[in-house]
C-alpha atoms as a PDB file:
ATOM      1  CA  MET A   1      98.364 110.901  94.248  1.00  0.00           C
ATOM      2  CA  LYS A   2      97.060 113.676  92.504  1.00  0.00           C
ATOM      3  CA  LYS A   3      93.582 115.699  93.718  1.00  0.00           C
ATOM      4  CA  GLN A   4      89.981 113.168  93.101  1.00  0.00           C
ATOM      5  CA  LYS A   5      87.442 114.631  90.279  1.00  0.00           C
ATOM      6  CA  ARG A   6      84.059 113.535  90.315  1.00  0.00           C
ATOM      7  CA  GLN A   7      83.395 113.155  86.581  1.00  0.00           C
ATOM      8  CA  LYS A   8      79.301 113.782  85.899  1.00  0.00           C
ATOM      9  CA  TYR A   9      77.156 111.586  83.884  1.00  0.00           C
ATOM     10  CA  SER A  10      73.842 112.300  82.077  1.00  0.00           C
ATOM     11  CA  ASN A  11      72.801 110.169  83.983  1.00  0.00           C
ATOM     12  CA  GLY A  12      73.443 111.341  87.454  1.00  0.00           C
ATOM     13  CA  SER A  13      75.797 109.941  88.815  1.00  0.00           C
ATOM     14  CA  SER A  14      79.321 110.505  89.399  1.00  0.00           C
ATOM     15  CA  VAL A  15      82.158 108.606  90.178  1.00  0.00           C
ATOM     16  CA  LYS A  16      85.396 109.145  91.602  1.00  0.00           C
ATOM     17  CA  GLN A  17      88.697 109.535  89.195  1.00  0.00           C
ATOM     18  CA  LYS A  18      92.196 109.051  90.831  1.00  0.00           C
ATOM     19  CA  THR A  19      95.617 109.611  89.104  1.00  0.00           C
ATOM     20  CA  HIS A  20      98.765 108.613  90.320  1.00  0.00           C
ATOM     21  CA  GLN A  21     102.325 109.770  89.664  1.00  0.00           C
ATOM     22  CA  ASN A  22     103.805 106.518  88.675  1.00  0.00           C
ATOM     23  CA  VAL A  23     103.339 102.909  88.803  1.00  0.00           C
ATOM     24  CA  GLN A  24     105.000 102.366  92.906  1.00  0.00           C
ATOM     25  CA  ALA A  25     102.495 104.282  93.970  1.00  0.00           C
ATOM     26  CA  MET A  26      99.673 102.763  92.307  1.00  0.00           C
ATOM     27  CA  GLU A  27     101.575  99.293  93.986  1.00  0.00           C
ATOM     28  CA  HIS A  28     101.868 100.928  97.598  1.00  0.00           C
ATOM     29  CA  GLU A  29      97.887 101.613  97.423  1.00  0.00           C
ATOM     30  CA  VAL A  30      97.122  98.538  95.909  1.00  0.00           C
ATOM     31  CA  THR A  31      99.498  96.064  98.657  1.00  0.00           C
ATOM     32  CA  ALA A  32      98.683  98.434 101.510  1.00  0.00           C
ATOM     33  CA  LYS A  33      94.738  98.201 100.616  1.00  0.00           C
ATOM     34  CA  GLN A  34      95.324  94.349 100.645  1.00  0.00           C
ATOM     35  CA  LYS A  35      97.041  93.718 104.436  1.00  0.00           C
ATOM     36  CA  GLY A  36      94.258  95.416 105.527  1.00  0.00           C
ATOM     37  CA  ASN A  37      96.660  98.694 105.503  1.00  0.00           C
ATOM     38  CA  SER A  38      96.634 102.781 104.934  1.00  0.00           C
ATOM     39  CA  PHE A  39      98.727 104.666 102.705  1.00  0.00           C
ATOM     40  CA  GLY A  40      98.732 108.072 101.395  1.00  0.00           C
ATOM     41  CA  GLN A  41     101.075 110.454  99.669  1.00  0.00           C
ATOM     42  CA  GLY A  42     101.528 113.713  97.871  1.00  0.00           C
ATOM     43  CA  SER A  43     103.071 115.959  96.749  1.00  0.00           C
ATOM     44  CA  THR A  44     104.167 120.061  97.154  1.00  0.00           C
ATOM     45  CA  SER A  45     106.142 122.243  94.932  1.00  0.00           C
ATOM     46  CA  ILE A  46     108.527 124.945  96.430  1.00  0.00           C
ATOM     47  CA  PRO A  47     109.767 127.538  95.295  1.00  0.00           C
ATOM     48  CA  GLY A  48     112.938 127.009  93.199  1.00  0.00           C
ATOM     49  CA  GLY A  49     111.352 124.387  90.856  1.00  0.00           C
ATOM     50  CA  GLY A  50     111.897 121.963  94.038  1.00  0.00           C
ATOM     51  CA  SER A  51     109.195 119.105  95.541  1.00  0.00           C
ATOM     52  CA  LEU A  52     108.612 118.131  98.856  1.00  0.00           C
ATOM     53  CA  ASN A  53     106.933 114.763  98.769  1.00  0.00           C
ATOM     54  CA  TYR A  54     105.370 112.639 101.709  1.00  0.00           C
ATOM     55  CA  SER A  55     103.568 109.970 102.562  1.00  0.00           C
ATOM     56  CA  ILE A  56     101.932 108.146 105.583  1.00  0.00           C
ATOM     57  CA  PHE A  57     101.760 104.470 106.201  1.00  0.00           C
ATOM     58  CA  LYS A  58      98.997 102.866 108.797  1.00  0.00           C
ATOM     59  CA  ASN A  59      98.565  99.905 109.963  1.00  0.00           C
ATOM     60  CA  ARG A  60      97.676  98.216 113.691  1.00  0.00           C
ATOM     61  CA  ASP A  61     101.291  98.749 115.308  1.00  0.00           C
ATOM     62  CA  ASP A  62     102.756 101.105 113.806  1.00  0.00           C
ATOM     63  CA  LYS A  63     102.570 104.984 111.613  1.00  0.00           C
ATOM     64  CA  ILE A  64     105.419 105.990 109.271  1.00  0.00           C
ATOM     65  CA  ARG A  65     105.326 109.428 107.964  1.00  0.00           C
ATOM     66  CA  THR A  66     108.120 109.801 105.411  1.00  0.00           C
ATOM     67  CA  VAL A  67     109.678 112.985 103.562  1.00  0.00           C
ATOM     68  CA  GLU A  68     111.535 113.690 101.488  1.00  0.00           C
ATOM     69  CA  LEU A  69     112.629 117.116  99.040  1.00  0.00           C
ATOM     70  CA  LYS A  70     114.021 117.025  96.292  1.00  0.00           C
ATOM     71  CA  GLN A  71     116.029 120.407  94.900  1.00  0.00           C
ATOM     72  CA  PRO A  72     117.929 120.745  90.793  1.00  0.00           C
ATOM     73  CA  PHE A  73     120.785 122.223  91.145  1.00  0.00           C
ATOM     74  CA  GLY A  74     121.443 122.791  87.206  1.00  0.00           C
ATOM     75  CA  LYS A  75     120.872 119.601  85.687  1.00  0.00           C
ATOM     76  CA  ASN A  76     121.592 117.457  88.908  1.00  0.00           C
ATOM     77  CA  THR A  77     118.067 116.825  91.045  1.00  0.00           C
ATOM     78  CA  LEU A  78     119.871 116.601  94.662  1.00  0.00           C
ATOM     79  CA  GLY A  79     117.352 114.426  97.688  1.00  0.00           C
ATOM     80  CA  ILE A  80     117.229 113.898 101.198  1.00  0.00           C
ATOM     81  CA  GLY A  81     114.624 111.967 102.793  1.00  0.00           C
ATOM     82  CA  ARG A  82     113.682 110.672 106.651  1.00  0.00           C
ATOM     83  CA  ASN A  83     111.328 108.657 107.966  1.00  0.00           C
ATOM     84  CA  LYS A  84     111.565 107.237 112.449  1.00  0.00           C
ATOM     85  CA  ASN A  85     113.649 104.357 110.736  1.00  0.00           C
ATOM     86  CA  GLN A  86     115.980 105.878 108.122  1.00  0.00           C
ATOM     87  CA  LYS A  87     117.552 108.828 105.708  1.00  0.00           C
ATOM     88  CA  SER A  88     118.636 108.691 102.684  1.00  0.00           C
ATOM     89  CA  ILE A  89     120.361 110.874 100.238  1.00  0.00           C
ATOM     90  CA  SER A  90     119.616 110.965  96.394  1.00  0.00           C
ATOM     91  CA  ILE A  91     121.307 112.588  93.499  1.00  0.00           C
ATOM     92  CA  GLY A  92     120.329 112.674  89.823  1.00  0.00           C
ATOM     93  CA  ARG A  93     120.952 113.477  86.085  1.00  0.00           C
ATOM     94  CA  ASN A  94     118.954 113.260  83.102  1.00  0.00           C
ATOM     95  CA  GLY A  95     116.254 110.603  84.926  1.00  0.00           C
ATOM     96  CA  LEU A  96     119.326 108.569  86.061  1.00  0.00           C
ATOM     97  CA  GLU A  97     119.342 108.808  90.023  1.00  0.00           C
ATOM     98  CA  LEU A  98     121.843 107.142  93.042  1.00  0.00           C
ATOM     99  CA  LYS A  99     119.857 106.597  96.006  1.00  0.00           C
ATOM    100  CA  VAL A 100     121.755 105.709  99.531  1.00  0.00           C
ATOM    101  CA  THR A 101     119.657 104.676 102.152  1.00  0.00           C
ATOM    102  CA  LYS A 102     120.904 104.339 105.960  1.00  0.00           C
ATOM    103  CA  PRO A 103     118.497 102.264 107.936  1.00  0.00           C
ATOM    104  CA  ASN A 104     118.500 103.136 111.728  1.00  0.00           C
ATOM    105  CA  ASN A 105     120.563  99.742 112.853  1.00  0.00           C
ATOM    106  CA  GLY A 106     121.450  97.572 110.079  1.00  0.00           C
ATOM    107  CA  LYS A 107     123.693  98.146 106.647  1.00  0.00           C
ATOM    108  CA  THR A 108     123.325 100.491 104.111  1.00  0.00           C
ATOM    109  CA  HIS A 109     121.386 100.491 100.870  1.00  0.00           C
ATOM    110  CA  TYR A 110     122.876 101.517  97.411  1.00  0.00           C
ATOM    111  CA  GLY A 111     120.422 102.218  94.892  1.00  0.00           C
ATOM    112  CA  VAL A 112     120.316 103.143  90.544  1.00  0.00           C
ATOM    113  CA  THR A 113     117.050 104.256  89.266  1.00  0.00           C
ATOM    114  CA  PHE A 114     116.188 104.851  85.718  1.00  0.00           C
ATOM    115  CA  THR A 115     113.076 106.794  84.846  1.00  0.00           C
ATOM    116  CA  LYS A 116     112.010 107.803  81.768  1.00  0.00           C
ATOM    117  CA  LEU A 117     108.711 109.191  80.177  1.00  0.00           C
ATOM    118  CA  ILE A 118     106.878 107.249  77.881  1.00  0.00           C
END
């Protein structure tokens, strides 16, 4: 989620405007609010064209911090992520991403994601 901007109107009122990176970010925020939980996320660019994505999910019982680092290597993008419950690694190219997630206790999960800007 990007930094919120205040929109000023001629009648003196102001409204906060939120922009989200994608539909998943919106869904996470709405789901968290419905359950009385809080969710926050952000992204920081790093030298070499990479990005550091982070999120925090809190409820009454637990607080989970997730950090993911993505770095481009030529036409490919390599990513690693970690939180207290799981580790993940991903490799992507041209909007197609293969991700392998290993929970601390349980079976390894595999996933394929395709992303295209419209």
